[in-house]
Amino acid sequence: MRELLFAFNSGNMAKFNELKPKWQTQPDLVVHETEMRKKICLLCLMEMAFASPNAVLSFEKIATATDCLKNDVELMVMKALSKGLIKGHIDEVEQKVTISWVQPRVLNKDQIRSMRDRLDKWIKDINDFSRVLENKAQDIMA
């Protein structure tokens, strides 16, 4: 059960499927397999969005990661949008989803490390831009 909970938290559909022989011994879980799959798909989508800020994800990439049909991706994304799990928009013509925000949740060590790295990069970019402005300020003022 512990491994199953970790698979859910990380939105890891492959791990969920790998653990299926173990959790299928629990009748309550077997009865609710469809609902569990829908929830882990939403968590997988959230994890994909968290991993790449301002993500533009193709329906194909989402379908592959969530182990669902490409035709079901739009409905899943609309559900995530309506539940407030993500913010963004769907481009049905291009079959892409742009995600600009993900609902905050409990983070594991790898996710915290990822956020720290993004913040470090952001601070470096700001400092670099600040130095450029300082160096070019005289040209701009003249």
N, C-alpha and C. Protein backbone atom coordinates (compact mmCIF):
# COMPACT_ATOMS: atom_id res chain seq x y z
N MET A 1 0.82 -1.20 0.00
CA MET A 1 0.00 0.00 0.00
C MET A 1 0.87 1.26 0.00
N ARG A 2 1.98 1.18 0.72
CA ARG A 2 2.87 2.33 0.80
C ARG A 2 3.38 2.71 -0.59
N GLU A 3 3.82 1.70 -1.34
CA GLU A 3 4.32 1.94 -2.69
C GLU A 3 3.22 2.50 -3.59
N LEU A 4 2.01 2.02 -3.41
CA LEU A 4 0.88 2.51 -4.20
C LEU A 4 0.61 3.99 -3.89
N LEU A 5 0.70 4.36 -2.63
CA LEU A 5 0.52 5.77 -2.25
C LEU A 5 1.61 6.65 -2.85
N PHE A 6 2.85 6.15 -2.86
CA PHE A 6 3.93 6.92 -3.47
C PHE A 6 3.72 7.05 -4.98
N ALA A 7 3.21 6.00 -5.61
CA ALA A 7 2.91 6.06 -7.04
C ALA A 7 1.85 7.11 -7.31
N PHE A 8 0.82 7.17 -6.46
CA PHE A 8 -0.22 8.19 -6.61
C PHE A 8 0.37 9.58 -6.42
N ASN A 9 1.13 9.78 -5.36
CA ASN A 9 1.68 11.10 -5.06
C ASN A 9 2.54 11.63 -6.19
N SER A 10 3.27 10.73 -6.84
CA SER A 10 4.14 11.17 -7.93
C SER A 10 3.45 11.11 -9.29
N GLY A 11 2.20 10.64 -9.31
CA GLY A 11 1.50 10.54 -10.59
C GLY A 11 2.16 9.56 -11.53
N ASN A 12 2.71 8.50 -10.97
CA ASN A 12 3.49 7.54 -11.75
C ASN A 12 2.59 6.39 -12.22
N MET A 13 2.06 6.51 -13.42
CA MET A 13 1.16 5.50 -13.97
C MET A 13 1.87 4.17 -14.19
N ALA A 14 3.13 4.20 -14.60
CA ALA A 14 3.88 2.96 -14.82
C ALA A 14 4.00 2.17 -13.52
N LYS A 15 4.31 2.85 -12.44
CA LYS A 15 4.42 2.19 -11.13
C LYS A 15 3.06 1.66 -10.68
N PHE A 16 2.01 2.42 -10.92
CA PHE A 16 0.65 1.99 -10.59
C PHE A 16 0.34 0.68 -11.31
N ASN A 17 0.64 0.61 -12.60
CA ASN A 17 0.39 -0.60 -13.38
C ASN A 17 1.29 -1.75 -12.92
N GLU A 18 2.52 -1.43 -12.57
CA GLU A 18 3.45 -2.45 -12.09
C GLU A 18 2.97 -3.08 -10.78
N LEU A 19 2.36 -2.27 -9.93
CA LEU A 19 1.88 -2.74 -8.63
C LEU A 19 0.50 -3.41 -8.70
N LYS A 20 -0.10 -3.40 -9.87
CA LYS A 20 -1.46 -3.92 -10.01
C LYS A 20 -1.62 -5.35 -9.47
N PRO A 21 -0.72 -6.28 -9.74
CA PRO A 21 -0.91 -7.62 -9.19
C PRO A 21 -1.00 -7.63 -7.66
N LYS A 22 -0.30 -6.70 -7.02
CA LYS A 22 -0.32 -6.64 -5.55
C LYS A 22 -1.63 -6.04 -5.04
N TRP A 23 -2.04 -4.89 -5.61
CA TRP A 23 -3.23 -4.25 -5.06
C TRP A 23 -4.52 -4.92 -5.52
N GLN A 24 -4.45 -5.76 -6.54
CA GLN A 24 -5.65 -6.48 -6.98
C GLN A 24 -6.12 -7.52 -5.97
N THR A 25 -5.30 -7.79 -4.98
CA THR A 25 -5.72 -8.73 -3.94
C THR A 25 -6.69 -8.07 -2.96
N GLN A 26 -6.83 -6.75 -3.07
CA GLN A 26 -7.74 -6.00 -2.20
C GLN A 26 -9.05 -5.74 -2.96
N PRO A 27 -10.14 -6.39 -2.57
CA PRO A 27 -11.41 -6.25 -3.30
C PRO A 27 -11.89 -4.80 -3.40
N ASP A 28 -11.69 -4.00 -2.36
CA ASP A 28 -12.14 -2.60 -2.40
C ASP A 28 -11.41 -1.81 -3.48
N LEU A 29 -10.15 -2.10 -3.66
CA LEU A 29 -9.37 -1.40 -4.68
C LEU A 29 -9.78 -1.85 -6.08
N VAL A 30 -10.03 -3.11 -6.25
CA VAL A 30 -10.44 -3.65 -7.55
C VAL A 30 -11.76 -3.02 -8.00
N VAL A 31 -12.69 -2.89 -7.06
CA VAL A 31 -14.01 -2.30 -7.37
C VAL A 31 -13.86 -0.86 -7.84
N HIS A 32 -12.87 -0.15 -7.31
CA HIS A 32 -12.70 1.28 -7.62
C HIS A 32 -11.52 1.55 -8.56
N GLU A 33 -11.14 0.55 -9.33
CA GLU A 33 -9.99 0.72 -10.23
C GLU A 33 -10.19 1.87 -11.22
N THR A 34 -11.36 1.99 -11.79
CA THR A 34 -11.61 3.05 -12.78
C THR A 34 -11.42 4.43 -12.16
N GLU A 35 -11.97 4.63 -10.97
CA GLU A 35 -11.83 5.92 -10.29
C GLU A 35 -10.38 6.19 -9.93
N MET A 36 -9.67 5.14 -9.48
CA MET A 36 -8.25 5.31 -9.14
C MET A 36 -7.45 5.71 -10.37
N ARG A 37 -7.74 5.08 -11.51
CA ARG A 37 -7.03 5.42 -12.75
C ARG A 37 -7.27 6.88 -13.15
N LYS A 38 -8.50 7.33 -13.02
CA LYS A 38 -8.81 8.73 -13.35
C LYS A 38 -8.03 9.67 -12.46
N LYS A 39 -7.96 9.35 -11.16
CA LYS A 39 -7.25 10.22 -10.23
C LYS A 39 -5.75 10.23 -10.46
N ILE A 40 -5.18 9.06 -10.71
CA ILE A 40 -3.74 9.03 -10.94
C ILE A 40 -3.40 9.72 -12.27
N CYS A 41 -4.31 9.68 -13.23
CA CYS A 41 -4.09 10.41 -14.49
C CYS A 41 -4.03 11.92 -14.23
N LEU A 42 -4.94 12.41 -13.39
CA LEU A 42 -4.93 13.83 -13.04
C LEU A 42 -3.64 14.20 -12.30
N LEU A 43 -3.20 13.33 -11.39
CA LEU A 43 -1.96 13.58 -10.66
C LEU A 43 -0.76 13.54 -11.60
N CYS A 44 -0.79 12.65 -12.57
CA CYS A 44 0.28 12.58 -13.57
C CYS A 44 0.33 13.87 -14.39
N LEU A 45 -0.82 14.36 -14.79
CA LEU A 45 -0.89 15.62 -15.52
C LEU A 45 -0.33 16.77 -14.68
N MET A 46 -0.71 16.80 -13.41
CA MET A 46 -0.20 17.84 -12.51
C MET A 46 1.31 17.75 -12.38
N GLU A 47 1.82 16.52 -12.27
CA GLU A 47 3.26 16.32 -12.14
C GLU A 47 4.00 16.77 -13.40
N MET A 48 3.42 16.48 -14.56
CA MET A 48 4.02 16.93 -15.83
C MET A 48 4.08 18.45 -15.88
N ALA A 49 3.00 19.09 -15.44
CA ALA A 49 2.95 20.56 -15.45
C ALA A 49 3.94 21.13 -14.45
N PHE A 50 4.06 20.49 -13.29
CA PHE A 50 4.99 20.97 -12.26
C PHE A 50 6.43 20.86 -12.73
N ALA A 51 6.72 19.76 -13.43
CA ALA A 51 8.09 19.50 -13.88
C ALA A 51 8.58 20.51 -14.92
N SER A 52 7.66 21.06 -15.69
CA SER A 52 8.06 22.05 -16.69
C SER A 52 7.13 23.25 -16.62
N PRO A 53 7.57 24.32 -15.92
CA PRO A 53 6.73 25.50 -15.77
C PRO A 53 6.35 26.10 -17.12
N ASN A 54 5.17 26.69 -17.18
CA ASN A 54 4.63 27.24 -18.43
C ASN A 54 4.70 26.19 -19.53
N ALA A 55 4.29 25.00 -19.16
CA ALA A 55 4.41 23.85 -20.05
C ALA A 55 3.43 23.93 -21.22
N VAL A 56 3.91 23.55 -22.37
CA VAL A 56 3.06 23.32 -23.54
C VAL A 56 3.21 21.83 -23.83
N LEU A 57 2.15 21.09 -23.53
CA LEU A 57 2.18 19.64 -23.65
C LEU A 57 1.28 19.18 -24.79
N SER A 58 1.78 18.30 -25.60
CA SER A 58 0.95 17.75 -26.68
C SER A 58 0.01 16.70 -26.12
N PHE A 59 -1.11 16.52 -26.79
CA PHE A 59 -2.05 15.47 -26.40
C PHE A 59 -1.34 14.12 -26.40
N GLU A 60 -0.47 13.93 -27.38
CA GLU A 60 0.26 12.67 -27.52
C GLU A 60 1.13 12.41 -26.29
N LYS A 61 1.85 13.43 -25.84
CA LYS A 61 2.73 13.29 -24.68
C LYS A 61 1.92 12.99 -23.42
N ILE A 62 0.80 13.68 -23.27
CA ILE A 62 -0.07 13.45 -22.11
C ILE A 62 -0.65 12.04 -22.16
N ALA A 63 -1.11 11.63 -23.33
CA ALA A 63 -1.68 10.28 -23.48
C ALA A 63 -0.66 9.21 -23.14
N THR A 64 0.57 9.40 -23.58
CA THR A 64 1.62 8.42 -23.31
C THR A 64 1.93 8.36 -21.81
N ALA A 65 2.08 9.51 -21.19
CA ALA A 65 2.44 9.55 -19.76
C ALA A 65 1.31 9.03 -18.87
N THR A 66 0.07 9.32 -19.26
CA THR A 66 -1.06 8.91 -18.42
C THR A 66 -1.62 7.55 -18.78
N ASP A 67 -1.10 6.96 -19.85
CA ASP A 67 -1.55 5.64 -20.30
C ASP A 67 -3.04 5.65 -20.63
N CYS A 68 -3.47 6.74 -21.28
CA CYS A 68 -4.87 6.81 -21.70
C CYS A 68 -4.93 7.06 -23.20
N LEU A 69 -6.10 6.95 -23.76
CA LEU A 69 -6.26 7.18 -25.19
C LEU A 69 -6.12 8.67 -25.50
N LYS A 70 -5.57 8.97 -26.65
CA LYS A 70 -5.39 10.36 -27.07
C LYS A 70 -6.73 11.09 -27.13
N ASN A 71 -7.80 10.37 -27.48
CA ASN A 71 -9.13 10.98 -27.55
C ASN A 71 -9.68 11.37 -26.18
N ASP A 72 -9.12 10.79 -25.11
CA ASP A 72 -9.59 11.08 -23.75
C ASP A 72 -8.83 12.23 -23.08
N VAL A 73 -7.76 12.69 -23.72
CA VAL A 73 -6.90 13.71 -23.11
C VAL A 73 -7.66 15.02 -22.89
N GLU A 74 -8.39 15.48 -23.89
CA GLU A 74 -9.08 16.76 -23.76
C GLU A 74 -10.05 16.75 -22.58
N LEU A 75 -10.81 15.69 -22.43
CA LEU A 75 -11.76 15.58 -21.32
C LEU A 75 -11.03 15.58 -19.98
N MET A 76 -9.90 14.87 -19.90
CA MET A 76 -9.13 14.83 -18.67
C MET A 76 -8.60 16.22 -18.31
N VAL A 77 -8.09 16.94 -19.31
CA VAL A 77 -7.56 18.29 -19.07
C VAL A 77 -8.69 19.23 -18.66
N MET A 78 -9.85 19.10 -19.31
CA MET A 78 -10.99 19.94 -18.93
C MET A 78 -11.40 19.66 -17.48
N LYS A 79 -11.33 18.42 -17.08
CA LYS A 79 -11.66 18.06 -15.69
C LYS A 79 -10.65 18.69 -14.73
N ALA A 80 -9.37 18.62 -15.07
CA ALA A 80 -8.34 19.23 -14.23
C ALA A 80 -8.52 20.74 -14.15
N LEU A 81 -8.88 21.37 -15.27
CA LEU A 81 -9.13 22.81 -15.28
C LEU A 81 -10.35 23.16 -14.43
N SER A 82 -11.42 22.40 -14.57
CA SER A 82 -12.66 22.70 -13.84
C SER A 82 -12.51 22.47 -12.35
N LYS A 83 -11.65 21.53 -11.95
CA LYS A 83 -11.43 21.26 -10.53
C LYS A 83 -10.41 22.22 -9.92
N GLY A 84 -9.81 23.08 -10.74
CA GLY A 84 -8.84 24.03 -10.23
C GLY A 84 -7.48 23.40 -9.94
N LEU A 85 -7.21 22.24 -10.52
CA LEU A 85 -5.93 21.59 -10.31
C LEU A 85 -4.83 22.25 -11.13
N ILE A 86 -5.22 22.78 -12.28
CA ILE A 86 -4.30 23.48 -13.16
C ILE A 86 -5.01 24.70 -13.73
N LYS A 87 -4.22 25.63 -14.26
CA LYS A 87 -4.76 26.75 -15.03
C LYS A 87 -4.03 26.76 -16.36
N GLY A 88 -4.75 27.09 -17.38
CA GLY A 88 -4.17 27.12 -18.71
C GLY A 88 -5.25 27.08 -19.76
N HIS A 89 -4.89 26.64 -20.94
CA HIS A 89 -5.89 26.53 -22.00
C HIS A 89 -5.53 25.39 -22.96
N ILE A 90 -6.57 24.97 -23.65
CA ILE A 90 -6.46 23.86 -24.59
C ILE A 90 -6.55 24.41 -26.01
N ASP A 91 -5.65 23.97 -26.87
CA ASP A 91 -5.70 24.28 -28.29
C ASP A 91 -6.07 22.99 -29.00
N GLU A 92 -7.35 22.81 -29.27
CA GLU A 92 -7.85 21.58 -29.88
C GLU A 92 -7.29 21.38 -31.28
N VAL A 93 -7.14 22.46 -32.03
CA VAL A 93 -6.65 22.36 -33.41
C VAL A 93 -5.22 21.82 -33.43
N GLU A 94 -4.36 22.42 -32.59
CA GLU A 94 -2.96 21.98 -32.52
C GLU A 94 -2.78 20.76 -31.63
N GLN A 95 -3.82 20.41 -30.90
CA GLN A 95 -3.80 19.32 -29.92
C GLN A 95 -2.66 19.51 -28.92
N LYS A 96 -2.72 20.69 -28.29
CA LYS A 96 -1.73 21.05 -27.27
C LYS A 96 -2.44 21.69 -26.09
N VAL A 97 -1.83 21.56 -24.94
CA VAL A 97 -2.34 22.16 -23.71
C VAL A 97 -1.24 23.05 -23.16
N THR A 98 -1.57 24.30 -22.86
CA THR A 98 -0.64 25.21 -22.23
C THR A 98 -1.05 25.34 -20.77
N ILE A 99 -0.15 24.99 -19.87
CA ILE A 99 -0.44 25.02 -18.44
C ILE A 99 0.43 26.09 -17.81
N SER A 100 -0.22 27.05 -17.15
CA SER A 100 0.50 28.17 -16.55
C SER A 100 0.57 28.10 -15.03
N TRP A 101 -0.21 27.21 -14.42
CA TRP A 101 -0.25 27.14 -12.95
C TRP A 101 -0.69 25.74 -12.53
N VAL A 102 -0.14 25.27 -11.41
CA VAL A 102 -0.51 23.97 -10.86
C VAL A 102 -0.89 24.16 -9.40
N GLN A 103 -1.96 23.51 -8.98
CA GLN A 103 -2.41 23.57 -7.59
C GLN A 103 -1.26 23.12 -6.67
N PRO A 104 -0.91 23.94 -5.68
CA PRO A 104 0.15 23.53 -4.75
C PRO A 104 -0.26 22.27 -3.98
N ARG A 105 0.72 21.46 -3.68
CA ARG A 105 0.48 20.26 -2.90
C ARG A 105 1.75 19.88 -2.17
N VAL A 106 1.71 18.81 -1.40
CA VAL A 106 2.88 18.36 -0.64
C VAL A 106 3.96 17.93 -1.63
N LEU A 107 5.17 18.39 -1.38
CA LEU A 107 6.28 18.10 -2.29
C LEU A 107 7.23 17.10 -1.67
N ASN A 108 7.80 16.24 -2.51
CA ASN A 108 8.84 15.33 -2.02
C ASN A 108 10.20 16.01 -2.19
N LYS A 109 11.25 15.35 -1.76
CA LYS A 109 12.59 15.97 -1.80
C LYS A 109 13.03 16.33 -3.20
N ASP A 110 12.75 15.47 -4.17
CA ASP A 110 13.14 15.76 -5.55
C ASP A 110 12.42 16.99 -6.09
N GLN A 111 11.14 17.14 -5.76
CA GLN A 111 10.37 18.29 -6.21
C GLN A 111 10.88 19.57 -5.55
N ILE A 112 11.24 19.49 -4.28
CA ILE A 112 11.79 20.65 -3.57
C ILE A 112 13.13 21.03 -4.19
N ARG A 113 13.95 20.03 -4.49
CA ARG A 113 15.23 20.27 -5.14
C ARG A 113 15.03 20.94 -6.50
N SER A 114 14.04 20.49 -7.25
CA SER A 114 13.73 21.07 -8.55
C SER A 114 13.31 22.54 -8.41
N MET A 115 12.49 22.82 -7.42
CA MET A 115 12.07 24.21 -7.20
C MET A 115 13.26 25.08 -6.80
N ARG A 116 14.14 24.54 -5.95
CA ARG A 116 15.34 25.29 -5.56
C ARG A 116 16.19 25.62 -6.77
N ASP A 117 16.37 24.63 -7.66
CA ASP A 117 17.17 24.84 -8.87
C ASP A 117 16.54 25.91 -9.76
N ARG A 118 15.21 25.88 -9.88
CA ARG A 118 14.52 26.90 -10.70
C ARG A 118 14.69 28.29 -10.09
N LEU A 119 14.57 28.36 -8.76
CA LEU A 119 14.74 29.66 -8.09
C LEU A 119 16.17 30.16 -8.25
N ASP A 120 17.16 29.27 -8.12
CA ASP A 120 18.56 29.65 -8.31
C ASP A 120 18.78 30.20 -9.72
N LYS A 121 18.20 29.53 -10.72
CA LYS A 121 18.33 29.98 -12.11
C LYS A 121 17.65 31.33 -12.29
N TRP A 122 16.47 31.50 -11.69
CA TRP A 122 15.73 32.75 -11.79
C TRP A 122 16.54 33.89 -11.16
N ILE A 123 17.12 33.66 -9.99
CA ILE A 123 17.94 34.68 -9.32
C ILE A 123 19.15 35.03 -10.18
N LYS A 124 19.80 34.01 -10.76
CA LYS A 124 20.95 34.26 -11.62
C LYS A 124 20.55 35.11 -12.83
N ASP A 125 19.41 34.78 -13.45
CA ASP A 125 18.94 35.53 -14.61
C ASP A 125 18.65 36.99 -14.23
N ILE A 126 18.05 37.19 -13.09
CA ILE A 126 17.75 38.56 -12.64
C ILE A 126 19.04 39.33 -12.39
N ASN A 127 20.00 38.68 -11.73
CA ASN A 127 21.28 39.34 -11.47
C ASN A 127 22.01 39.67 -12.77
N ASP A 128 21.98 38.75 -13.72
CA ASP A 128 22.62 39.00 -15.03
C ASP A 128 21.96 40.18 -15.73
N PHE A 129 20.64 40.21 -15.72
CA PHE A 129 19.92 41.30 -16.36
C PHE A 129 20.19 42.63 -15.65
N SER A 130 20.28 42.58 -14.33
CA SER A 130 20.57 43.78 -13.55
C SER A 130 21.95 44.34 -13.93
N ARG A 131 22.93 43.46 -14.08
CA ARG A 131 24.27 43.91 -14.48
C ARG A 131 24.26 44.53 -15.88
N VAL A 132 23.50 43.92 -16.79
CA VAL A 132 23.39 44.46 -18.15
C VAL A 132 22.79 45.87 -18.09
N LEU A 133 21.73 46.03 -17.30
CA LEU A 133 21.11 47.35 -17.16
C LEU A 133 22.08 48.37 -16.58
N GLU A 134 22.84 47.97 -15.57
CA GLU A 134 23.82 48.89 -14.96
C GLU A 134 24.87 49.32 -15.98
N ASN A 135 25.33 48.35 -16.77
CA ASN A 135 26.36 48.65 -17.76
C ASN A 135 25.84 49.51 -18.91
N LYS A 136 24.59 49.33 -19.27
CA LYS A 136 24.02 50.04 -20.40
C LYS A 136 23.26 51.30 -19.98
N ALA A 137 23.14 51.54 -18.69
CA ALA A 137 22.36 52.69 -18.21
C ALA A 137 22.92 54.00 -18.76
N GLN A 138 24.22 54.13 -18.82
CA GLN A 138 24.79 55.37 -19.33
C GLN A 138 24.44 55.58 -20.81
N ASP A 139 24.42 54.49 -21.58
CA ASP A 139 24.06 54.59 -23.00
C ASP A 139 22.59 55.01 -23.13
N ILE A 140 21.75 54.47 -22.28
CA ILE A 140 20.32 54.78 -22.33
C ILE A 140 20.07 56.23 -21.92
N MET A 141 20.77 56.71 -20.90
CA MET A 141 20.58 58.07 -20.39
C MET A 141 21.10 59.12 -21.35
N ALA A 142 22.07 58.74 -22.18
CA ALA A 142 22.71 59.71 -23.07
C ALA A 142 21.87 60.03 -24.26
